[in-house]
Amino acid sequence: MREVISKTETTTTGDDELAGRNLTLIQSLQRGLRLVEAVAARGPMTARALSKATGLGLPTTYHLLRTLVHEGYLGRLPGGRYALGPQFRSTAELERQARIVRVLRETTSRLRDLTNATALVAELDGRDLLLTHLSPSRKWATPDLWAGMRLPVHATAVGRAVLGRVDPARRDELLTAQPLARYTARTITDPLLLMRRPVGSPTTHSQDQYRYGISCVAMPLPGLRRPGALAVCFHTGLAPRRQARLEEALVETVEDLTCLSGPEAV
């Protein structure tokens, strides 16, 4: 059955003439948008419930729903209810990722300013870590790190923090599928030792494990698309009291992050 699109033309007067004398409204489009708005406002609904909520006849509702599902604006769930479709989910995900990028950029800058150390975010990407955000220290010489750099998952505190967020089977595969490389004399290559941390501590630590002279304290970041962690890097030899203040600032920063929400991929 071929859809008949009806049009209503209204003639505007006064100030509305600035927008054009003839305004054409496509009623089938308006009705379809009413269905989408009802689902967005109330959650998944049946065709009968949508018909009642919007005042549209049931045959018209079914006809519009078929088009909306075909175009991806709505999706049909088991049981006959209709929910927002992939067109809206993909847009929402893009907006969410853009918000997360902005928040992480601001977070690393703020943590850098609080600690005078280098702050970074790294996420699991395949078998390695991808350094996605970096705010170099303005006070101390910056460790040899850069955004886009790939890091071994086993040789840094940020990697150990990330490993704590992944599924155990995935973690075992990352640590045992091939021998772990030794970068310095302090690199831990024993998978069992890698996952040890002080009881009750939310953070992980590394010292001279990836490169001599670089120490790091890290904490997992929940809510990212991929398992990731926030870390502060500094030169080995920093006074213990100073290190404790860095760790405290890191923990408080992560606890204050309330806008990273959504399932993580593993």
Protein backbone atom coordinates (compact mmCIF):
# COMPACT_ATOMS: atom_id res chain seq x y z
CA MET A 1 0.00 0.00 0.00
CA ARG A 2 1.51 3.30 -1.10
CA GLU A 3 1.56 6.03 1.53
CA VAL A 4 -0.45 9.12 0.67
CA ILE A 5 1.31 12.22 2.02
CA SER A 6 -1.07 15.02 2.80
CA LYS A 7 0.05 18.61 3.00
CA THR A 8 -1.47 21.55 4.79
CA GLU A 9 -0.61 25.01 3.56
CA THR A 10 -1.11 28.07 5.73
CA THR A 11 -0.63 31.66 4.75
CA THR A 12 1.29 33.71 7.28
CA THR A 13 0.79 37.39 7.91
CA GLY A 14 2.56 40.12 9.83
CA ASP A 15 6.00 39.26 11.19
CA ASP A 16 5.69 35.68 9.94
CA GLU A 17 6.00 36.96 6.38
CA LEU A 18 9.71 37.34 7.06
CA ALA A 19 9.94 33.55 7.08
CA GLY A 20 8.04 33.17 3.82
CA ARG A 21 4.41 33.51 2.86
CA ASN A 22 3.63 29.79 2.37
CA LEU A 23 4.54 27.31 5.11
CA THR A 24 4.11 23.68 4.09
CA LEU A 25 3.76 21.07 6.84
CA ILE A 26 4.01 17.38 5.96
CA GLN A 27 1.50 15.76 8.26
CA SER A 28 2.88 12.22 7.96
CA LEU A 29 6.25 13.51 9.14
CA GLN A 30 4.63 15.33 12.04
CA ARG A 31 2.78 12.18 13.06
CA GLY A 32 5.93 10.08 12.85
CA LEU A 33 7.77 12.55 15.06
CA ARG A 34 4.95 12.34 17.60
CA LEU A 35 5.51 8.59 17.82
CA VAL A 36 9.25 9.06 18.28
CA GLU A 37 8.68 11.72 20.95
CA ALA A 38 6.30 9.42 22.83
CA VAL A 39 8.86 6.59 22.88
CA ALA A 40 11.64 8.98 23.93
CA ALA A 41 9.53 10.37 26.77
CA ARG A 42 7.92 7.15 28.07
CA GLY A 43 10.25 4.34 27.02
CA PRO A 44 9.37 1.27 24.91
CA MET A 45 5.67 1.09 24.04
CA THR A 46 3.36 -1.15 22.02
CA ALA A 47 1.68 0.10 18.87
CA ARG A 48 -1.66 0.18 20.67
CA ALA A 49 -0.20 2.25 23.52
CA LEU A 50 1.42 4.62 21.03
CA SER A 51 -1.85 5.01 19.18
CA LYS A 52 -3.59 5.97 22.41
CA ALA A 53 -0.80 8.27 23.57
CA THR A 54 -0.60 10.22 20.31
CA GLY A 55 -4.25 10.15 19.28
CA LEU A 56 -3.39 8.51 15.97
CA GLY A 57 -5.51 5.72 14.55
CA LEU A 58 -4.08 2.25 15.00
CA PRO A 59 -3.73 1.53 11.23
CA THR A 60 -1.89 4.86 10.78
CA THR A 61 0.30 4.10 13.78
CA TYR A 62 1.29 0.69 12.38
CA HIS A 63 2.01 2.22 8.98
CA LEU A 64 4.26 4.92 10.44
CA LEU A 65 5.99 2.46 12.75
CA ARG A 66 7.00 0.26 9.82
CA THR A 67 8.65 3.24 8.14
CA LEU A 68 10.37 4.42 11.33
CA VAL A 69 11.74 0.94 12.00
CA HIS A 70 12.91 0.59 8.40
CA GLU A 71 14.80 3.90 8.63
CA GLY A 72 16.34 3.03 12.00
CA TYR A 73 14.61 5.69 14.10
CA LEU A 74 12.69 3.06 16.07
CA GLY A 75 13.37 -0.60 16.74
CA ARG A 76 10.89 -3.40 17.43
CA LEU A 77 11.60 -5.36 20.60
CA PRO A 78 10.53 -8.93 21.43
CA GLY A 79 6.95 -8.78 22.67
CA GLY A 80 5.89 -6.13 20.20
CA ARG A 81 7.12 -2.96 21.92
CA TYR A 82 8.94 -0.19 20.06
CA ALA A 83 12.07 1.57 21.35
CA LEU A 84 14.44 4.19 19.99
CA GLY A 85 16.43 2.73 17.11
CA PRO A 86 20.09 2.68 16.09
CA GLN A 87 19.91 6.12 14.47
CA PHE A 88 19.35 7.66 17.88
CA ARG A 89 21.66 5.27 19.73
CA SER A 90 24.56 6.05 17.38
CA THR A 91 24.00 9.79 17.78
CA ALA A 92 23.83 9.46 21.55
CA GLU A 93 27.04 7.43 21.58
CA LEU A 94 28.86 10.05 19.50
CA GLU A 95 27.72 12.75 21.91
CA ARG A 96 28.80 10.63 24.87
CA GLN A 97 32.25 9.98 23.42
CA ALA A 98 32.73 13.68 22.64
CA ARG A 99 31.77 14.52 26.24
CA ILE A 100 34.20 11.93 27.61
CA VAL A 101 37.06 13.28 25.48
CA ARG A 102 36.41 16.77 26.81
CA VAL A 103 36.16 15.57 30.41
CA LEU A 104 39.37 13.54 30.21
CA ARG A 105 41.26 16.43 28.65
CA GLU A 106 40.10 18.71 31.44
CA THR A 107 40.80 16.04 34.07
CA THR A 108 44.41 15.45 33.06
CA SER A 109 45.05 19.20 32.93
CA ARG A 110 43.55 19.69 36.38
CA LEU A 111 45.46 16.76 37.87
CA ARG A 112 48.68 18.05 36.30
CA ASP A 113 48.11 21.45 37.91
CA LEU A 114 47.30 19.88 41.30
CA THR A 115 50.41 17.70 41.38
CA ASN A 116 52.92 19.48 39.11
CA ALA A 117 53.47 16.00 37.63
CA THR A 118 52.60 14.57 34.22
CA ALA A 119 49.01 13.26 34.07
CA LEU A 120 47.81 10.81 31.45
CA VAL A 121 45.01 8.47 30.42
CA ALA A 122 45.68 5.16 28.67
CA GLU A 123 43.19 2.61 27.35
CA LEU A 124 43.49 -1.02 26.34
CA ASP A 125 43.80 -1.31 22.57
CA GLY A 126 44.36 -4.85 21.37
CA ARG A 127 47.27 -6.27 23.35
CA ASP A 128 48.78 -2.89 24.23
CA LEU A 129 47.88 0.34 25.95
CA LEU A 130 47.12 3.41 23.87
CA LEU A 131 48.06 6.69 25.55
CA THR A 132 45.03 8.82 24.65
CA HIS A 133 45.44 11.96 26.80
CA LEU A 134 48.58 13.60 28.15
CA SER A 135 49.14 16.77 30.17
CA PRO A 136 52.91 17.24 30.61
CA SER A 137 54.26 18.71 33.83
CA ARG A 138 55.04 22.43 33.67
CA LYS A 139 57.49 22.19 36.54
CA TRP A 140 59.53 19.03 36.00
CA ALA A 141 61.12 17.64 32.87
CA THR A 142 58.50 15.60 31.06
CA PRO A 143 59.06 11.83 30.80
CA ASP A 144 59.52 10.58 27.25
CA LEU A 145 55.79 10.11 26.63
CA TRP A 146 53.36 11.43 24.02
CA ALA A 147 49.69 11.10 23.08
CA GLY A 148 49.21 8.22 20.65
CA MET A 149 52.13 6.28 22.13
CA ARG A 150 51.67 2.55 22.68
CA LEU A 151 52.78 1.04 25.97
CA PRO A 152 53.18 -2.58 27.09
CA VAL A 153 50.33 -3.55 29.36
CA HIS A 154 52.54 -5.32 31.92
CA ALA A 155 55.36 -2.80 32.44
CA THR A 156 53.55 0.24 33.86
CA ALA A 157 51.24 1.03 36.75
CA VAL A 158 48.60 2.25 34.31
CA GLY A 159 48.71 -1.14 32.58
CA ARG A 160 48.26 -2.99 35.86
CA ALA A 161 45.32 -0.73 36.71
CA VAL A 162 43.73 -1.54 33.35
CA LEU A 163 44.31 -5.27 33.82
CA GLY A 164 42.27 -5.08 36.99
CA ARG A 165 39.24 -3.97 34.95
CA VAL A 166 39.20 -6.67 32.28
CA ASP A 167 37.56 -10.06 32.34
CA PRO A 168 39.82 -12.69 34.02
CA ALA A 169 39.97 -14.80 30.87
CA ARG A 170 40.99 -11.78 28.80
CA ARG A 171 43.58 -10.82 31.42
CA ASP A 172 45.08 -14.30 31.40
CA GLU A 173 45.28 -14.20 27.61
CA LEU A 174 47.06 -10.84 27.69
CA LEU A 175 49.63 -12.04 30.22
CA THR A 176 50.25 -15.62 29.12
CA ALA A 177 49.72 -15.81 25.35
CA GLN A 178 53.35 -14.87 24.80
CA PRO A 179 56.40 -14.19 27.00
CA LEU A 180 56.36 -10.78 28.68
CA ALA A 181 59.22 -8.56 27.57
CA ARG A 182 61.74 -7.26 30.10
CA TYR A 183 62.47 -3.54 29.59
CA THR A 184 64.60 -2.93 32.67
CA ALA A 185 65.98 -5.02 35.51
CA ARG A 186 62.87 -4.05 37.50
CA THR A 187 60.29 -5.14 34.91
CA ILE A 188 57.91 -7.71 36.39
CA THR A 189 57.35 -10.59 33.99
CA ASP A 190 55.55 -13.00 36.34
CA PRO A 191 51.76 -12.75 35.69
CA LEU A 192 50.94 -13.66 39.30
CA LEU A 193 53.17 -10.94 40.72
CA LEU A 194 51.77 -8.39 38.27
CA MET A 195 48.29 -8.53 39.74
CA ARG A 196 49.35 -8.16 43.37
CA ARG A 197 48.57 -4.87 45.08
CA PRO A 198 48.34 -3.74 48.70
CA VAL A 199 45.11 -4.94 50.31
CA GLY A 200 42.46 -2.22 50.17
CA SER A 201 44.48 0.05 47.89
CA PRO A 202 42.61 1.48 44.86
CA THR A 203 45.88 2.34 43.10
CA THR A 204 48.76 0.55 41.40
CA HIS A 205 52.42 1.59 41.33
CA SER A 206 55.46 1.13 39.14
CA GLN A 207 59.06 2.25 39.49
CA ASP A 208 61.66 1.96 36.74
CA GLN A 209 59.73 -0.94 35.20
CA TYR A 210 59.33 0.43 31.69
CA ARG A 211 62.15 2.98 31.65
CA TYR A 212 64.70 3.90 34.23
CA GLY A 213 63.93 7.09 36.08
CA ILE A 214 60.14 7.00 35.60
CA SER A 215 57.69 6.09 38.35
CA CYS A 216 53.93 6.02 38.10
CA VAL A 217 50.80 5.71 40.21
CA ALA A 218 47.53 4.82 38.48
CA MET A 219 43.86 4.15 39.14
CA PRO A 220 41.19 2.55 36.94
CA LEU A 221 38.67 4.78 35.17
CA PRO A 222 35.21 3.17 34.98
CA GLY A 223 32.76 4.04 32.24
CA LEU A 224 35.10 4.31 29.26
CA ARG A 225 34.39 2.52 25.99
CA ARG A 226 37.54 0.47 26.60
CA PRO A 227 39.16 -0.43 29.94
CA GLY A 228 41.36 2.52 30.89
CA ALA A 229 43.13 4.24 33.75
CA LEU A 230 44.26 7.67 34.89
CA ALA A 231 47.87 8.01 36.04
CA VAL A 232 50.43 10.45 37.36
CA CYS A 233 54.03 9.96 36.19
CA PHE A 234 57.06 11.48 37.89
CA HIS A 235 60.78 10.96 38.16
CA THR A 236 61.97 8.17 40.42
CA GLY A 237 63.41 9.45 43.67
CA LEU A 238 60.58 11.80 44.60
CA ALA A 239 60.22 12.08 48.36
CA PRO A 240 57.71 9.57 49.85
CA ARG A 241 55.64 12.37 51.36
CA ARG A 242 55.39 14.03 47.95
CA GLN A 243 54.42 10.72 46.34
CA ALA A 244 51.68 10.27 48.95
CA ARG A 245 50.23 13.67 48.04
CA LEU A 246 50.27 12.75 44.34
CA GLU A 247 48.40 9.53 45.09
CA GLU A 248 45.85 11.33 47.24
CA ALA A 249 45.19 13.87 44.45
CA LEU A 250 44.78 11.03 41.95
CA VAL A 251 42.25 9.16 44.09
CA GLU A 252 40.22 12.31 44.76
CA THR A 253 40.22 13.19 41.06
CA VAL A 254 38.87 9.78 40.00
CA GLU A 255 36.25 9.78 42.76
CA ASP A 256 35.03 13.19 41.57
CA LEU A 257 34.44 11.95 38.02
CA THR A 258 30.70 11.35 37.88
CA CYS A 259 29.99 11.87 34.17
CA LEU A 260 31.80 8.80 32.82
CA SER A 261 28.95 6.36 32.53
CA GLY A 262 28.16 3.40 30.35
CA PRO A 263 29.40 -0.17 29.86
CA GLU A 264 33.03 -0.89 29.25
CA ALA A 265 34.24 -3.09 26.45
CA VAL A 266 36.63 -5.87 27.31
